[in-house]
N, C-alpha and C. Protein backbone atom coordinates (compact mmCIF):
# COMPACT_ATOMS: atom_id res chain seq x y z
N MET A 1 17.77 101.03 88.22
CA MET A 1 17.31 101.93 89.40
C MET A 1 16.86 100.06 90.69
N ARG A 2 17.71 100.17 91.97
CA ARG A 2 17.75 99.51 92.51
C ARG A 2 16.85 99.99 94.03
N PRO A 3 16.10 99.19 93.76
CA PRO A 3 14.67 99.36 95.13
C PRO A 3 15.12 99.23 96.88
N ASP A 4 16.42 99.06 96.58
CA ASP A 4 16.88 98.58 98.20
C ASP A 4 17.70 99.50 98.72
N ARG A 5 18.47 100.77 97.54
CA ARG A 5 18.94 101.52 98.00
C ARG A 5 17.76 102.39 99.27
N GLY A 6 18.18 102.88 100.10
CA GLY A 6 18.22 103.94 101.06
C GLY A 6 17.33 103.19 101.74
N ARG A 7 17.53 101.71 101.77
CA ARG A 7 16.68 101.30 103.26
C ARG A 7 17.50 100.86 104.18
N VAL A 8 16.65 100.69 105.82
CA VAL A 8 17.70 100.17 106.63
C VAL A 8 17.90 99.07 106.77
N GLY A 9 18.71 98.36 106.76
CA GLY A 9 19.60 97.05 106.83
C GLY A 9 18.82 96.26 105.48
N SER A 10 19.28 97.46 104.51
CA SER A 10 18.96 96.30 103.14
C SER A 10 20.57 96.47 102.62
N ARG A 11 22.02 96.51 103.30
CA ARG A 11 22.67 95.99 103.28
C ARG A 11 23.84 94.48 103.87
N ARG A 12 24.08 93.72 103.52
CA ARG A 12 24.75 92.36 103.63
C ARG A 12 25.83 93.40 104.85
N PRO A 13 25.03 92.27 106.03
CA PRO A 13 25.93 92.74 106.98
C PRO A 13 27.39 92.20 107.08
N ALA A 14 28.31 93.58 107.79
CA ALA A 14 30.03 93.49 107.88
C ALA A 14 29.47 92.33 108.96
N ARG A 15 31.69 91.74 109.23
CA ARG A 15 32.50 91.35 110.27
C ARG A 15 32.91 92.63 111.47
N HIS A 16 32.57 93.65 111.77
CA HIS A 16 33.08 94.24 112.07
C HIS A 16 31.89 95.73 112.60
N VAL A 17 31.76 96.38 113.72
CA VAL A 17 31.40 97.31 114.38
C VAL A 17 31.88 98.74 114.26
N SER A 18 31.86 99.40 113.39
CA SER A 18 32.76 101.10 112.96
C SER A 18 31.90 101.79 112.73
N LEU A 19 32.20 102.95 113.12
CA LEU A 19 31.82 104.55 112.07
C LEU A 19 32.55 104.58 111.37
N GLY A 20 33.48 104.17 110.73
CA GLY A 20 33.99 104.10 109.65
C GLY A 20 35.78 105.56 110.17
N HIS A 21 36.04 106.69 108.82
CA HIS A 21 36.60 107.92 108.35
C HIS A 21 35.90 108.29 106.90
N GLY A 22 36.22 109.40 107.29
CA GLY A 22 36.10 109.59 106.24
C GLY A 22 35.33 111.38 105.87
N ILE A 23 35.40 111.98 105.00
CA ILE A 23 34.22 113.24 104.90
C ILE A 23 33.25 112.86 105.55
N HIS A 24 32.35 111.83 105.43
CA HIS A 24 30.90 111.67 105.70
C HIS A 24 31.25 111.41 106.61
N SER A 25 31.77 110.74 107.46
CA SER A 25 31.59 109.92 108.66
C SER A 25 31.66 110.87 109.87
N ILE A 26 31.13 109.84 110.84
CA ILE A 26 30.72 110.90 111.95
C ILE A 26 31.36 110.29 112.72
N GLY A 27 32.06 109.03 112.93
CA GLY A 27 32.98 108.66 113.31
C GLY A 27 34.11 108.82 114.20
N ALA A 28 34.75 109.95 113.66
CA ALA A 28 36.04 110.57 113.95
C ALA A 28 35.31 111.40 114.99
N PRO A 29 35.08 112.63 114.08
CA PRO A 29 33.89 113.70 115.32
C PRO A 29 33.33 113.48 116.51
N LEU A 30 32.60 112.35 116.50
CA LEU A 30 32.11 111.97 117.84
C LEU A 30 33.01 110.75 118.57
N ALA A 31 33.73 110.59 118.69
CA ALA A 31 35.25 110.19 119.26
C ALA A 31 35.79 111.51 119.83
N ARG A 32 36.14 112.65 118.82
CA ARG A 32 36.81 113.97 119.92
C ARG A 32 36.19 114.45 120.84
N LEU A 33 34.21 114.46 120.33
CA LEU A 33 33.89 115.34 121.29
C LEU A 33 33.28 114.24 123.31
N GLU A 34 33.80 112.55 122.35
CA GLU A 34 33.26 112.27 123.75
C GLU A 34 35.00 112.25 124.84
N ALA A 35 35.81 112.28 124.10
CA ALA A 35 36.73 112.40 125.18
C ALA A 35 37.42 113.55 125.03
N SER A 36 36.63 114.71 124.63
CA SER A 36 37.51 116.30 125.20
C SER A 36 36.02 115.69 126.34
N ILE A 37 34.93 115.42 126.24
CA ILE A 37 33.97 115.35 127.57
C ILE A 37 34.58 114.72 128.48
N ALA A 38 34.87 113.33 128.17
CA ALA A 38 35.48 112.95 129.37
C ALA A 38 36.75 113.37 129.99
N LEU A 39 37.55 113.63 129.19
CA LEU A 39 38.69 114.62 129.40
C LEU A 39 38.47 116.07 131.07
N ARG A 40 37.48 116.33 130.50
CA ARG A 40 36.42 117.55 131.21
C ARG A 40 36.62 117.22 132.60
N VAL A 41 35.31 116.07 132.32
CA VAL A 41 34.92 115.68 133.66
C VAL A 41 36.42 115.09 134.45
N LEU A 42 36.70 114.13 133.98
CA LEU A 42 37.63 113.74 134.67
C LEU A 42 38.51 114.84 135.41
N LEU A 43 39.07 115.60 134.39
CA LEU A 43 39.87 116.86 135.37
C LEU A 43 39.26 117.59 136.23
N THR A 44 37.86 118.08 136.09
CA THR A 44 37.25 118.31 137.10
C THR A 44 36.66 117.70 138.59
N ARG A 45 36.79 116.59 138.10
CA ARG A 45 36.80 115.47 139.18
C ARG A 45 37.47 115.60 140.09
N LEU A 46 38.80 115.14 140.05
CA LEU A 46 40.29 114.97 139.71
C LEU A 46 41.37 116.07 139.48
N PRO A 47 40.92 116.88 140.38
CA PRO A 47 42.48 117.48 139.90
C PRO A 47 43.21 117.95 140.20
N GLU A 48 43.42 117.07 141.57
CA GLU A 48 45.33 116.98 141.74
C GLU A 48 45.72 116.14 140.41
N MET A 49 45.57 115.20 139.59
CA MET A 49 45.45 114.32 138.37
C MET A 49 46.57 114.39 138.26
N ALA A 50 47.92 113.82 138.71
CA ALA A 50 49.20 113.79 137.53
C ALA A 50 50.13 112.67 137.22
N TRP A 51 50.91 113.42 136.64
CA TRP A 51 51.56 112.08 135.37
C TRP A 51 52.63 110.61 136.85
N ALA A 52 52.56 110.05 136.09
CA ALA A 52 52.79 108.83 137.53
C ALA A 52 54.36 109.18 137.01
N ARG A 53 55.01 108.64 135.85
CA ARG A 53 56.15 109.18 135.85
C ARG A 53 56.55 110.85 134.68
N PRO A 54 57.73 110.73 134.83
CA PRO A 54 57.86 111.61 133.37
C PRO A 54 57.63 111.23 131.47
N THR A 55 56.57 112.09 131.19
CA THR A 55 56.06 111.84 130.06
C THR A 55 56.64 111.56 128.59
N GLU A 56 57.95 111.56 129.06
CA GLU A 56 59.39 111.77 128.04
C GLU A 56 60.27 110.07 127.66
N GLY A 57 59.61 109.19 128.67
CA GLY A 57 59.18 107.86 129.14
C GLY A 57 58.54 107.29 128.57
N VAL A 58 57.65 107.29 127.89
CA VAL A 58 56.27 106.61 127.75
C VAL A 58 56.37 106.13 126.26
N THR A 59 56.03 105.18 126.61
CA THR A 59 56.49 104.20 125.16
C THR A 59 54.93 104.19 124.67
N ARG A 60 55.39 104.65 122.68
CA ARG A 60 54.20 105.29 121.96
C ARG A 60 53.63 104.36 121.18
N LEU A 61 52.86 104.05 120.55
CA LEU A 61 52.14 102.99 119.78
C LEU A 61 52.94 103.76 118.12
N PRO A 62 53.08 103.10 117.37
CA PRO A 62 53.83 103.13 115.87
C PRO A 62 52.58 103.63 115.72
N ALA A 63 53.74 104.95 114.65
CA ALA A 63 52.59 105.27 114.07
C ALA A 63 51.47 104.37 113.15
N GLY A 64 51.09 105.84 112.18
CA GLY A 64 49.88 104.35 111.10
C GLY A 64 48.23 105.18 111.74
N ILE A 65 47.30 104.17 111.43
CA ILE A 65 45.76 104.77 111.85
C ILE A 65 46.00 105.15 113.04
N THR A 66 46.25 104.85 114.33
CA THR A 66 46.32 104.78 115.56
C THR A 66 47.46 105.24 116.43
N ARG A 67 46.95 106.69 116.73
CA ARG A 67 48.63 106.68 117.18
C ARG A 67 48.28 107.43 118.82
N GLY A 68 49.32 107.37 120.00
CA GLY A 68 48.97 108.02 120.86
C GLY A 68 49.96 106.64 122.25
N PRO A 69 49.92 106.87 123.48
CA PRO A 69 50.80 106.54 124.60
C PRO A 69 50.69 104.57 124.48
N VAL A 70 51.16 104.12 124.89
CA VAL A 70 50.29 102.35 124.80
C VAL A 70 49.90 103.10 126.46
N ARG A 71 50.38 102.93 127.70
CA ARG A 71 49.74 103.57 128.44
C ARG A 71 50.57 104.35 129.18
N LEU A 72 49.41 105.62 129.74
CA LEU A 72 50.01 106.91 130.75
C LEU A 72 49.40 106.03 132.14
N PRO A 73 50.42 105.84 132.86
CA PRO A 73 49.87 106.02 134.15
C PRO A 73 49.50 107.86 134.81
N ALA A 74 48.56 107.75 135.77
CA ALA A 74 48.28 108.93 136.37
C ALA A 74 48.37 108.21 137.60
N THR A 75 48.32 109.91 138.54
CA THR A 75 48.11 109.23 140.34
C THR A 75 46.80 110.79 140.93
N PHE A 76 45.78 110.36 141.88
CA PHE A 76 45.47 110.85 142.32
C PHE A 76 44.54 110.67 142.72
N THR A 77 43.91 112.08 144.22
CA THR A 77 43.50 111.50 145.17
C THR A 77 42.10 111.68 144.78
N PRO A 78 41.85 111.02 145.43
CA PRO A 78 39.86 110.02 145.32
C PRO A 78 39.08 111.56 146.40
N GLU A 79 38.36 112.02 145.49
CA GLU A 79 37.02 112.78 146.96
C GLU A 79 36.96 112.32 147.31
N LYS A 80 36.71 112.81 148.79
CA LYS A 80 35.94 111.63 150.12
C LYS A 80 34.37 111.70 149.54
N GLY A 81 34.29 110.46 149.97
CA GLY A 81 33.24 110.13 149.60
C GLY A 81 33.21 109.23 148.47
N SER A 82 33.87 109.14 147.46
CA SER A 82 34.06 108.29 145.92
C SER A 82 34.46 106.93 146.84
N ASP A 83 33.64 106.46 145.65
CA ASP A 83 33.80 104.33 145.99
C ASP A 83 34.85 104.05 145.06
N VAL A 84 36.36 105.42 144.62
CA VAL A 84 37.54 104.92 144.35
C VAL A 84 37.71 104.55 144.83
N ALA A 85 38.59 103.47 145.12
CA ALA A 85 39.65 102.52 145.19
C ALA A 85 41.40 103.07 145.44
């Protein structure tokens, strides 16, 4: 029996700060929730947002753990009175 099991701070320190992945990790679901909220707020505040160029020409990250565009430029008209330049 290990007396240190289940205690906060009982593990050796790791060289990373991550939430991990897998069936028992909150990392991926939390990231999806944060992205969903952020995009909803962004699109509500900037309804005229559009891609700055056709998405067919977008460079994508190599397949692997992380997928998606390297860069996805957008244009928008700031709301009056906002501090967005």
